[in-house]
Protein backbone atom coordinates (compact mmCIF):
# COMPACT_ATOMS: atom_id res chain seq x y z
CA UNK A 1 -19.18 -3.23 -26.87
CA UNK A 2 -17.77 -4.98 -23.80
CA UNK A 3 -19.38 -8.23 -22.74
CA UNK A 4 -18.93 -9.25 -19.10
CA UNK A 5 -19.88 -12.81 -18.24
CA UNK A 6 -20.52 -13.48 -14.58
CA UNK A 7 -21.15 -16.78 -12.77
CA UNK A 8 -22.29 -16.00 -9.25
CA UNK A 9 -22.39 -19.70 -8.43
CA UNK A 10 -18.64 -20.18 -8.97
CA UNK A 11 -16.62 -18.79 -6.08
CA UNK A 12 -12.95 -18.05 -6.83
CA UNK A 13 -11.57 -16.71 -3.57
CA UNK A 14 -11.82 -13.94 -1.01
CA UNK A 15 -11.92 -10.25 -1.82
CA UNK A 16 -8.59 -8.96 -0.54
CA UNK A 17 -7.94 -5.77 1.50
CA UNK A 18 -6.65 -3.75 -1.45
CA UNK A 19 -8.17 -0.44 -0.40
CA UNK A 20 -5.85 0.31 2.49
CA UNK A 21 -3.92 3.58 2.62
CA UNK A 22 -0.68 5.13 3.65
CA UNK A 23 -0.90 7.58 6.50
CA UNK A 24 -4.17 8.79 7.94
CA UNK A 25 -5.38 12.26 6.85
CA UNK A 26 -3.56 14.16 9.60
CA UNK A 27 -3.19 17.44 7.66
CA UNK A 28 -6.17 19.65 8.31
CA UNK A 29 -7.96 17.03 10.42
CA UNK A 30 -5.89 16.60 13.56
CA UNK A 31 -5.52 13.12 15.05
CA UNK A 32 -8.85 12.62 16.81
CA UNK A 33 -11.35 11.77 14.09
CA UNK A 34 -10.83 9.53 11.09
CA UNK A 35 -14.49 8.89 10.50
CA UNK A 36 -14.04 9.68 6.83
CA UNK A 37 -11.85 6.54 6.60
CA UNK A 38 -14.40 4.41 8.45
CA UNK A 39 -17.10 5.54 6.04
CA UNK A 40 -15.07 4.19 3.12
CA UNK A 41 -14.22 0.99 4.97
CA UNK A 42 -10.48 1.60 4.76
CA UNK A 43 -8.99 -1.55 6.38
CA UNK A 44 -5.37 -0.47 6.96
CA UNK A 45 -3.34 2.70 7.44
CA UNK A 46 0.39 2.18 6.83
CA UNK A 47 2.33 4.41 9.19
CA UNK A 48 5.14 5.86 7.14
CA UNK A 49 5.95 9.52 6.51
CA UNK A 50 3.26 10.37 9.12
CA UNK A 51 3.08 14.07 9.79
CA UNK A 52 5.45 15.05 7.04
CA UNK A 53 9.20 15.62 7.22
CA UNK A 54 10.73 13.81 10.22
CA UNK A 55 7.25 12.54 11.12
CA UNK A 56 6.67 16.09 12.50
CA UNK A 57 9.14 15.03 15.14
CA UNK A 58 6.19 13.40 16.88
CA UNK A 59 4.82 10.28 15.31
CA UNK A 60 5.73 6.62 14.76
CA UNK A 61 9.38 6.88 13.69
CA UNK A 62 11.80 5.07 15.97
CA UNK A 63 13.79 8.27 16.73
CA UNK A 64 10.54 10.10 17.59
CA UNK A 65 9.62 7.49 20.18
CA UNK A 66 13.14 6.64 21.46
CA UNK A 67 14.82 10.02 21.26
CA UNK A 68 18.20 9.27 22.80
CA UNK A 69 19.83 6.20 21.34
CA UNK A 70 22.24 6.09 24.30
CA UNK A 71 19.36 5.75 26.79
CA UNK A 72 18.34 2.46 28.49
CA UNK A 73 16.03 0.64 26.08
CA UNK A 74 14.50 -1.33 28.92
CA UNK A 75 13.36 1.78 30.84
CA UNK A 76 9.84 3.04 29.94
CA UNK A 77 11.01 6.55 30.72
CA UNK A 78 13.26 6.39 27.64
CA UNK A 79 10.23 6.33 25.34
CA UNK A 80 7.84 9.07 24.20
CA UNK A 81 4.63 7.34 23.07
CA UNK A 82 2.25 10.24 23.62
CA UNK A 83 1.47 11.43 20.10
CA UNK A 84 1.79 7.99 18.48
CA UNK A 85 -0.62 6.64 21.11
CA UNK A 86 -3.12 9.34 20.15
CA UNK A 87 -2.74 8.60 16.47
CA UNK A 88 -3.20 4.83 16.85
CA UNK A 89 -6.10 5.22 19.28
CA UNK A 90 -7.95 7.33 16.71
CA UNK A 91 -7.34 4.79 13.89
CA UNK A 92 -8.42 1.78 15.98
CA UNK A 93 -11.49 3.66 17.20
CA UNK A 94 -12.57 4.05 13.56
CA UNK A 95 -11.93 0.41 12.71
CA UNK A 96 -8.69 1.08 10.72
CA UNK A 97 -5.86 -1.30 11.57
CA UNK A 98 -2.43 0.33 11.85
CA UNK A 99 0.24 -1.15 9.58
CA UNK A 100 3.43 -0.28 11.43
CA UNK A 101 6.65 0.62 9.65
CA UNK A 102 9.64 0.37 12.03
CA UNK A 103 12.16 2.90 10.80
CA UNK A 104 12.27 6.52 9.72
CA UNK A 105 10.69 9.05 7.38
CA UNK A 106 12.34 9.86 4.06
CA UNK A 107 14.86 12.70 4.05
CA UNK A 108 14.59 14.52 0.73
CA UNK A 109 17.59 16.72 1.55
CA UNK A 110 19.95 13.75 2.10
CA UNK A 111 22.27 15.00 -0.62
CA UNK A 112 23.19 17.83 1.74
CA UNK A 113 23.02 16.11 5.11
CA UNK A 114 21.46 13.06 6.68
CA UNK A 115 20.02 12.93 10.17
CA UNK A 116 18.15 9.69 10.82
CA UNK A 117 18.62 7.53 7.75
CA UNK A 118 22.05 6.21 8.70
CA UNK A 119 22.31 2.60 9.81
CA UNK A 120 21.72 2.29 13.56
CA UNK A 121 25.00 2.28 15.54
CA UNK A 122 24.00 -0.96 17.23
CA UNK A 123 21.68 -3.29 15.27
CA UNK A 124 20.93 -5.38 18.33
CA UNK A 125 19.91 -2.40 20.43
CA UNK A 126 17.75 -1.06 17.58
CA UNK A 127 15.97 -4.40 17.46
CA UNK A 128 15.40 -4.29 21.24
CA UNK A 129 13.98 -0.75 20.97
CA UNK A 130 11.56 -2.02 18.29
CA UNK A 131 10.71 -4.90 20.57
CA UNK A 132 9.59 -2.47 23.27
CA UNK A 133 7.57 -0.40 20.76
CA UNK A 134 5.80 -3.59 19.71
CA UNK A 135 5.32 -4.62 23.30
CA UNK A 136 3.72 -1.24 24.09
CA UNK A 137 1.11 -1.66 21.32
CA UNK A 138 0.61 -5.41 21.41
CA UNK A 139 1.06 -6.42 25.09
CA UNK A 140 0.39 -3.34 27.14
CA UNK A 141 3.98 -2.61 28.16
CA UNK A 142 4.62 0.83 29.67
CA UNK A 143 0.93 1.59 30.07
CA UNK A 144 0.24 0.49 26.52
CA UNK A 145 -2.37 -1.39 24.53
CA UNK A 146 -3.44 -4.68 23.05
CA UNK A 147 -4.12 -3.34 19.59
CA UNK A 148 -4.87 -5.60 16.63
CA UNK A 149 -1.68 -4.73 14.68
CA UNK A 150 -0.76 -7.59 12.35
CA UNK A 151 1.98 -6.20 10.13
CA UNK A 152 5.39 -4.91 11.23
CA UNK A 153 7.73 -3.70 8.51
CA UNK A 154 11.46 -3.26 8.89
CA UNK A 155 12.52 0.04 7.33
CA UNK A 156 11.38 1.53 4.03
CA UNK A 157 13.02 1.65 0.55
CA UNK A 158 16.60 1.01 1.69
CA UNK A 159 17.60 0.99 -2.03
CA UNK A 160 15.87 4.33 -2.64
CA UNK A 161 16.94 6.45 -5.64
CA UNK A 162 19.68 4.09 -6.74
CA UNK A 163 23.31 4.98 -7.06
CA UNK A 164 25.48 7.65 -8.61
CA UNK A 165 26.81 11.04 -7.43
CA UNK A 166 23.63 12.89 -8.43
CA UNK A 167 21.19 10.39 -6.95
CA UNK A 168 21.67 10.20 -3.21
CA UNK A 169 19.76 7.51 -1.32
CA UNK A 170 17.13 9.39 0.73
CA UNK A 171 16.17 6.49 2.96
CA UNK A 172 19.35 4.60 3.84
CA UNK A 173 23.00 5.80 3.78
CA UNK A 174 24.44 2.33 4.45
CA UNK A 175 25.36 -0.38 1.99
CA UNK A 176 22.96 -3.04 0.72
CA UNK A 177 24.70 -5.53 2.97
CA UNK A 178 24.19 -3.25 5.99
CA UNK A 179 20.47 -3.39 5.42
CA UNK A 180 20.46 -7.12 4.90
CA UNK A 181 22.24 -7.54 8.24
CA UNK A 182 19.82 -5.13 10.00
CA UNK A 183 16.88 -7.12 8.61
CA UNK A 184 18.44 -10.36 9.80
CA UNK A 185 19.10 -9.10 13.34
CA UNK A 186 15.73 -7.37 13.76
CA UNK A 187 13.54 -10.02 12.11
CA UNK A 188 15.04 -12.87 14.14
CA UNK A 189 14.78 -10.92 17.39
CA UNK A 190 11.25 -9.65 16.84
CA UNK A 191 9.84 -12.94 15.50
CA UNK A 192 11.23 -14.75 18.57
CA UNK A 193 9.54 -12.27 20.89
CA UNK A 194 6.25 -11.96 18.94
CA UNK A 195 5.70 -15.20 17.00
CA UNK A 196 2.12 -14.10 16.24
CA UNK A 197 3.21 -10.88 14.49
CA UNK A 198 3.85 -10.77 10.76
CA UNK A 199 7.37 -9.46 10.20
CA UNK A 200 8.53 -8.39 6.78
CA UNK A 201 9.99 -5.80 4.43
CA UNK A 202 11.69 -4.25 2.70
CA UNK A 203 9.41 -1.86 0.89
CA UNK A 204 11.06 -2.13 -2.51
CA UNK A 205 11.07 1.02 -4.62
CA UNK A 206 9.63 -1.01 -7.48
CA UNK A 207 10.51 -2.61 -10.79
CA UNK A 208 10.51 0.22 -13.31
CA UNK A 209 13.27 -1.45 -15.32
CA UNK A 210 10.76 -4.04 -16.59
CA UNK A 211 8.50 -1.58 -18.39
CA UNK A 212 10.87 1.23 -19.22
CA UNK A 213 11.15 2.23 -22.88
CA UNK A 214 14.60 2.00 -24.49
CA UNK A 215 14.55 5.75 -25.11
CA UNK A 216 13.75 6.55 -21.47
CA UNK A 217 16.44 4.14 -20.27
CA UNK A 218 19.07 5.65 -22.55
CA UNK A 219 18.18 9.15 -21.34
CA UNK A 220 18.24 8.04 -17.69
CA UNK A 221 21.65 6.34 -17.97
CA UNK A 222 23.07 9.36 -19.75
CA UNK A 223 22.24 11.34 -16.58
CA UNK A 224 24.01 8.80 -14.39
CA UNK A 225 20.87 7.37 -12.82
CA UNK A 226 21.24 3.62 -12.32
CA UNK A 227 18.42 3.35 -9.82
CA UNK A 228 16.15 0.86 -11.64
CA UNK A 229 19.08 -1.54 -12.16
CA UNK A 230 19.93 -1.24 -8.50
CA UNK A 231 16.34 -1.96 -7.49
CA UNK A 232 16.49 -5.20 -9.42
CA UNK A 233 19.83 -6.38 -8.03
CA UNK A 234 18.84 -5.40 -4.46
CA UNK A 235 15.67 -7.49 -4.75
CA UNK A 236 17.49 -10.65 -5.86
CA UNK A 237 20.35 -10.19 -3.40
CA UNK A 238 17.97 -9.60 -0.51
CA UNK A 239 16.15 -12.84 -0.99
CA UNK A 240 19.39 -14.73 -1.52
CA UNK A 241 20.56 -13.36 1.85
CA UNK A 242 17.28 -14.15 3.61
CA UNK A 243 17.43 -17.70 2.34
CA UNK A 244 21.11 -18.25 3.17
CA UNK A 245 20.70 -16.83 6.68
CA UNK A 246 17.26 -18.35 7.36
CA UNK A 247 15.69 -15.00 8.24
CA UNK A 248 11.99 -14.89 9.14
CA UNK A 249 9.89 -13.17 6.45
CA UNK A 250 6.08 -13.23 6.54
CA UNK A 251 5.53 -10.81 3.66
CA UNK A 252 7.37 -8.89 1.00
CA UNK A 253 6.37 -5.25 0.45
CA UNK A 254 6.95 -3.26 -2.69
CA UNK A 255 5.88 -0.02 -4.32
CA UNK A 256 4.54 1.23 -7.61
CA UNK A 257 3.90 4.71 -8.97
CA UNK A 258 3.24 3.28 -12.39
CA UNK A 259 -0.01 2.77 -14.26
CA UNK A 260 -2.16 -0.33 -13.81
CA UNK A 261 -0.92 -1.99 -16.97
CA UNK A 262 2.77 -1.72 -15.94
CA UNK A 263 2.08 -2.78 -12.37
CA UNK A 264 0.47 -5.98 -13.65
CA UNK A 265 3.78 -6.81 -15.34
CA UNK A 266 5.63 -6.13 -12.12
CA UNK A 267 3.31 -8.30 -10.07
CA UNK A 268 3.82 -11.22 -12.40
CA UNK A 269 7.58 -10.71 -12.23
CA UNK A 270 7.59 -10.64 -8.38
CA UNK A 271 5.56 -13.89 -8.26
CA UNK A 272 7.89 -15.64 -10.72
CA UNK A 273 11.08 -14.45 -9.04
CA UNK A 274 9.93 -15.38 -5.59
CA UNK A 275 9.15 -18.87 -6.82
CA UNK A 276 12.58 -19.18 -8.41
CA UNK A 277 14.16 -17.99 -5.16
CA UNK A 278 12.31 -20.59 -3.08
CA UNK A 279 9.67 -18.29 -1.69
CA UNK A 280 6.67 -19.41 -3.67
CA UNK A 281 3.37 -18.25 -2.15
CA UNK A 282 5.00 -15.57 0.04
CA UNK A 283 2.34 -12.87 0.53
CA UNK A 284 3.29 -9.58 -1.09
CA UNK A 285 1.98 -6.10 -0.25
CA UNK A 286 1.98 -3.13 -2.59
CA UNK A 287 2.01 -0.78 0.36
CA UNK A 288 2.84 2.36 -1.58
CA UNK A 289 1.12 2.91 -4.92
CA UNK A 290 -0.42 5.80 -6.75
CA UNK A 291 -0.99 5.50 -10.52
CA UNK A 292 -0.44 8.77 -12.42
CA UNK A 293 -0.05 10.81 -9.21
CA UNK A 294 0.27 14.02 -11.24
CA UNK A 295 -3.36 13.54 -12.30
CA UNK A 296 -4.77 13.09 -8.81
CA UNK A 297 -8.19 14.64 -8.41
CA UNK A 298 -9.28 13.74 -11.95
CA UNK A 299 -11.66 11.13 -13.29
CA UNK A 300 -8.76 9.38 -15.00
CA UNK A 301 -6.89 9.08 -11.72
CA UNK A 302 -10.01 7.68 -10.08
CA UNK A 303 -10.42 5.14 -12.88
CA UNK A 304 -6.77 4.10 -12.53
CA UNK A 305 -7.15 3.71 -8.74
CA UNK A 306 -10.21 1.53 -9.30
CA UNK A 307 -8.51 -0.47 -12.08
CA UNK A 308 -5.42 -1.09 -9.93
CA UNK A 309 -7.48 -2.68 -7.15
CA UNK A 310 -9.52 -4.69 -9.61
CA UNK A 311 -6.43 -5.89 -11.48
CA UNK A 312 -4.50 -6.87 -8.32
CA UNK A 313 -7.53 -8.73 -7.02
CA UNK A 314 -6.77 -11.21 -9.81
CA UNK A 315 -3.06 -11.42 -9.00
CA UNK A 316 -2.50 -14.34 -6.59
CA UNK A 317 0.72 -12.94 -5.18
CA UNK A 318 -0.75 -9.57 -4.13
CA UNK A 319 -2.51 -9.86 -0.78
CA UNK A 320 -2.79 -6.27 0.50
CA UNK A 321 -2.39 -2.73 -0.79
CA UNK A 322 -2.05 0.72 0.74
CA UNK A 323 -2.35 3.73 -1.57
CA UNK A 324 0.14 6.60 -1.04
CA UNK A 325 -1.32 8.52 0.49
CA UNK A 326 -4.45 9.36 2.49
CA UNK A 327 -3.23 12.71 3.74
CA UNK A 328 -5.59 15.55 3.05
CA UNK A 329 -2.79 17.71 1.64
CA UNK A 330 0.46 17.23 -0.17
CA UNK A 331 1.93 16.21 -3.49
CA UNK A 332 0.66 12.63 -3.39
CA UNK A 333 -2.71 13.16 -1.72
CA UNK A 334 -4.70 10.47 -3.58
CA UNK A 335 -8.09 10.61 -1.89
CA UNK A 336 -8.73 14.24 -0.97
CA UNK A 337 -8.81 17.63 -2.62
CA UNK A 338 -5.78 19.34 -1.08
CA UNK A 339 -7.34 22.80 -1.36
CA UNK A 340 -10.88 22.02 -0.18
CA UNK A 341 -10.01 19.12 2.18
CA UNK A 342 -12.86 17.01 0.81
CA UNK A 343 -12.94 13.50 -0.73
CA UNK A 344 -12.42 13.21 -4.48
CA UNK A 345 -12.32 10.54 -7.20
CA UNK A 346 -9.72 8.26 -5.57
CA UNK A 347 -11.67 8.16 -2.30
CA UNK A 348 -14.88 7.12 -4.00
CA UNK A 349 -13.06 4.41 -5.96
CA UNK A 350 -11.83 3.01 -2.66
CA UNK A 351 -15.35 3.25 -1.15
CA UNK A 352 -16.78 1.38 -4.14
CA UNK A 353 -14.24 -1.40 -3.79
CA UNK A 354 -15.20 -1.67 -0.15
CA UNK A 355 -18.65 -2.86 -1.25
CA UNK A 356 -17.01 -5.87 -2.87
CA UNK A 357 -14.88 -6.32 0.25
CA UNK A 358 -17.95 -6.28 2.49
CA UNK A 359 -19.56 -9.04 0.43
CA UNK A 360 -16.38 -11.01 0.91
CA UNK A 361 -16.20 -13.63 -1.87
CA UNK A 362 -15.08 -13.18 -5.46
CA UNK A 363 -17.02 -15.02 -8.16
CA UNK A 364 -16.05 -15.88 -11.72
CA UNK A 365 -16.07 -13.03 -14.24
CA UNK A 366 -14.65 -12.76 -17.73
CA UNK A 367 -14.54 -9.79 -20.07
CA UNK A 368 -13.80 -9.75 -23.77
CA UNK A 369 -12.48 -6.17 -23.95
CA UNK A 370 -8.90 -5.13 -23.00
CA UNK A 371 -8.86 -2.00 -20.87
CA UNK A 372 -12.05 -2.96 -19.04
CA UNK A 373 -11.19 -4.02 -15.48
CA UNK A 374 -13.92 -5.75 -13.48
CA UNK A 375 -14.46 -7.91 -10.39
CA UNK A 376 -17.69 -9.46 -9.10
CA UNK A 377 -18.46 -10.56 -5.58
CA UNK A 378 -21.15 -12.32 -3.56
CA UNK A 379 -21.95 -12.61 0.12
CA UNK A 380 -21.71 -15.76 2.24
CA UNK A 381 -25.27 -16.83 1.51
CA UNK A 382 -25.12 -16.03 -2.20
CA UNK A 383 -28.10 -13.69 -1.91
CA UNK A 384 -26.38 -10.38 -2.57
CA UNK A 385 -23.96 -9.61 -5.37
CA UNK A 386 -22.05 -6.70 -6.83
CA UNK A 387 -19.76 -5.99 -9.76
CA UNK A 388 -17.33 -3.09 -10.10
CA UNK A 389 -16.05 -1.95 -13.51
CA UNK A 390 -13.39 0.57 -14.54
CA UNK A 391 -13.08 1.77 -18.15
CA UNK A 392 -9.49 2.49 -19.22
CA UNK A 393 -10.02 1.76 -22.91
CA UNK A 394 -9.82 5.43 -23.84
CA UNK A 395 -13.35 5.33 -25.27
CA UNK A 396 -16.92 5.16 -24.05
CA UNK A 397 -18.00 1.55 -23.84
CA UNK A 398 -21.38 -0.17 -24.07
CA UNK A 399 -21.60 -2.81 -21.30
CA UNK A 400 -23.49 -6.04 -21.69
CA UNK A 401 -23.78 -8.41 -18.73
CA UNK A 402 -24.20 -12.11 -19.41
CA UNK A 403 -25.13 -14.82 -16.93
CA UNK A 404 -26.89 -12.62 -14.46
CA UNK A 405 -30.21 -10.88 -14.13
CA UNK A 406 -30.18 -7.16 -13.28
CA UNK A 407 -33.86 -6.65 -12.53
CA UNK A 408 -34.00 -4.38 -9.47
CA UNK A 409 -30.23 -3.68 -9.57
CA UNK A 410 -28.81 -0.46 -8.17
CA UNK A 411 -26.33 1.43 -10.33
CA UNK A 412 -23.65 3.88 -9.29
CA UNK A 413 -21.45 5.72 -11.73
CA UNK A 414 -18.30 7.88 -11.36
CA UNK A 415 -17.08 9.89 -14.32
CA UNK A 416 -16.01 13.39 -15.37
CA UNK A 417 -19.30 14.81 -14.08
CA UNK A 418 -20.15 12.59 -11.10
CA UNK A 419 -18.53 11.31 -7.91
CA UNK A 420 -20.10 7.81 -7.57
CA UNK A 421 -23.69 8.92 -8.03
CA UNK A 422 -26.91 7.00 -8.55
CA UNK A 423 -27.59 6.20 -12.19
CA UNK A 424 -30.51 4.72 -14.06
CA UNK A 425 -28.28 2.00 -15.52
CA UNK A 426 -24.72 1.25 -16.53
CA UNK A 427 -25.37 0.37 -20.14
CA UNK A 428 -22.87 2.91 -21.33
CA UNK A 429 -19.74 3.67 -19.38
CA UNK A 430 -17.77 6.79 -20.32
CA UNK A 431 -14.02 6.63 -20.72
CA UNK A 432 -12.36 6.89 -17.35
CA UNK A 433 -15.70 5.90 -15.83
CA UNK A 434 -16.23 3.57 -12.87
CA UNK A 435 -19.44 1.65 -12.22
CA UNK A 436 -20.67 -0.20 -9.20
CA UNK A 437 -23.71 -2.42 -9.66
CA UNK A 438 -25.46 -4.11 -6.77
CA UNK A 439 -27.89 -6.89 -7.61
């Protein structure tokens, strides 16, 4: 039996936007209607890998918008904003804020040839091109907009896939120092032009080294894959460089394709290391994550998605998350059935978390059972409350709620047989079950 004790009178902070996503569901839906995201209250859509390989040659990526690097970066005619305009208009119309990655889409064939993942030939010009892209969407330049875009990220996973002859970097062919210098030039230039914008990076691949078993590490090293070690050294060297060169950084972004339990370890590590490096309190974003992606479309995946958001709500250093991804097709499609193009478990976990987000304020909750993840929230007036629970214990659990009255409460359950459906009560929560209780 799991006992959850809730004190709705003790507020502990805001409910954070942890139910954002990577990419809008372009595949199968076009770029005109993202109502399905609005209905789940998705707050952000991170614009990376939009439209598939090479961004379909159309969307977001710097080479898709500024197609000839030798052209005049000050001339509006040098830019092709058409399809990216259409994409961002549709997101904003549905209340989803774009989270803009300045850079390029991953090139999975980089071991054979690279096209766009090489360091820009002129870092200063690349920064000025990005300046004009930002000006188009923030200040109306070149017939543009005044969109509410807060976050601007410089590149993505520059340390991707580590080192070694069999493990080619699929995001960046330059050295670590090349990226550090690009970040310095771009961040200083863009922050000077747009002081209100939040500039950051670098979309770390993650911290797998911390939770890797000795057996897995031995097997990996025997194959010549030193990626996780490289991820760790890159992280420390990046922040040493940023500090030494006084680079602007408003947030640090990182990724996780690990389970909730491992990602909790990583989050604590990031917070500790940033404090040691002199960046205590720097907001961090897990802007690519997908626990157990091979199990997407299952109740267990939905419970992991729910648990990740609930766990990170209680990590002070995690301020925003974007699941990878919200496309309606593809290997990592976390929210939709790729064959039927309909929402599945992950989507309803996000929609349930949105009910906490709408209330706005987290209240004190404790639970005596490991593997039960839960967060409670209240509205501004303290008249409406909700609690969301995910059961990753591996067993059905009886739930007892202490400190609150549930007379007249509304119960919603998601499990192997239901996609967030009305229930008579939540007294027993199946393994891999998720409950939302409004009271």
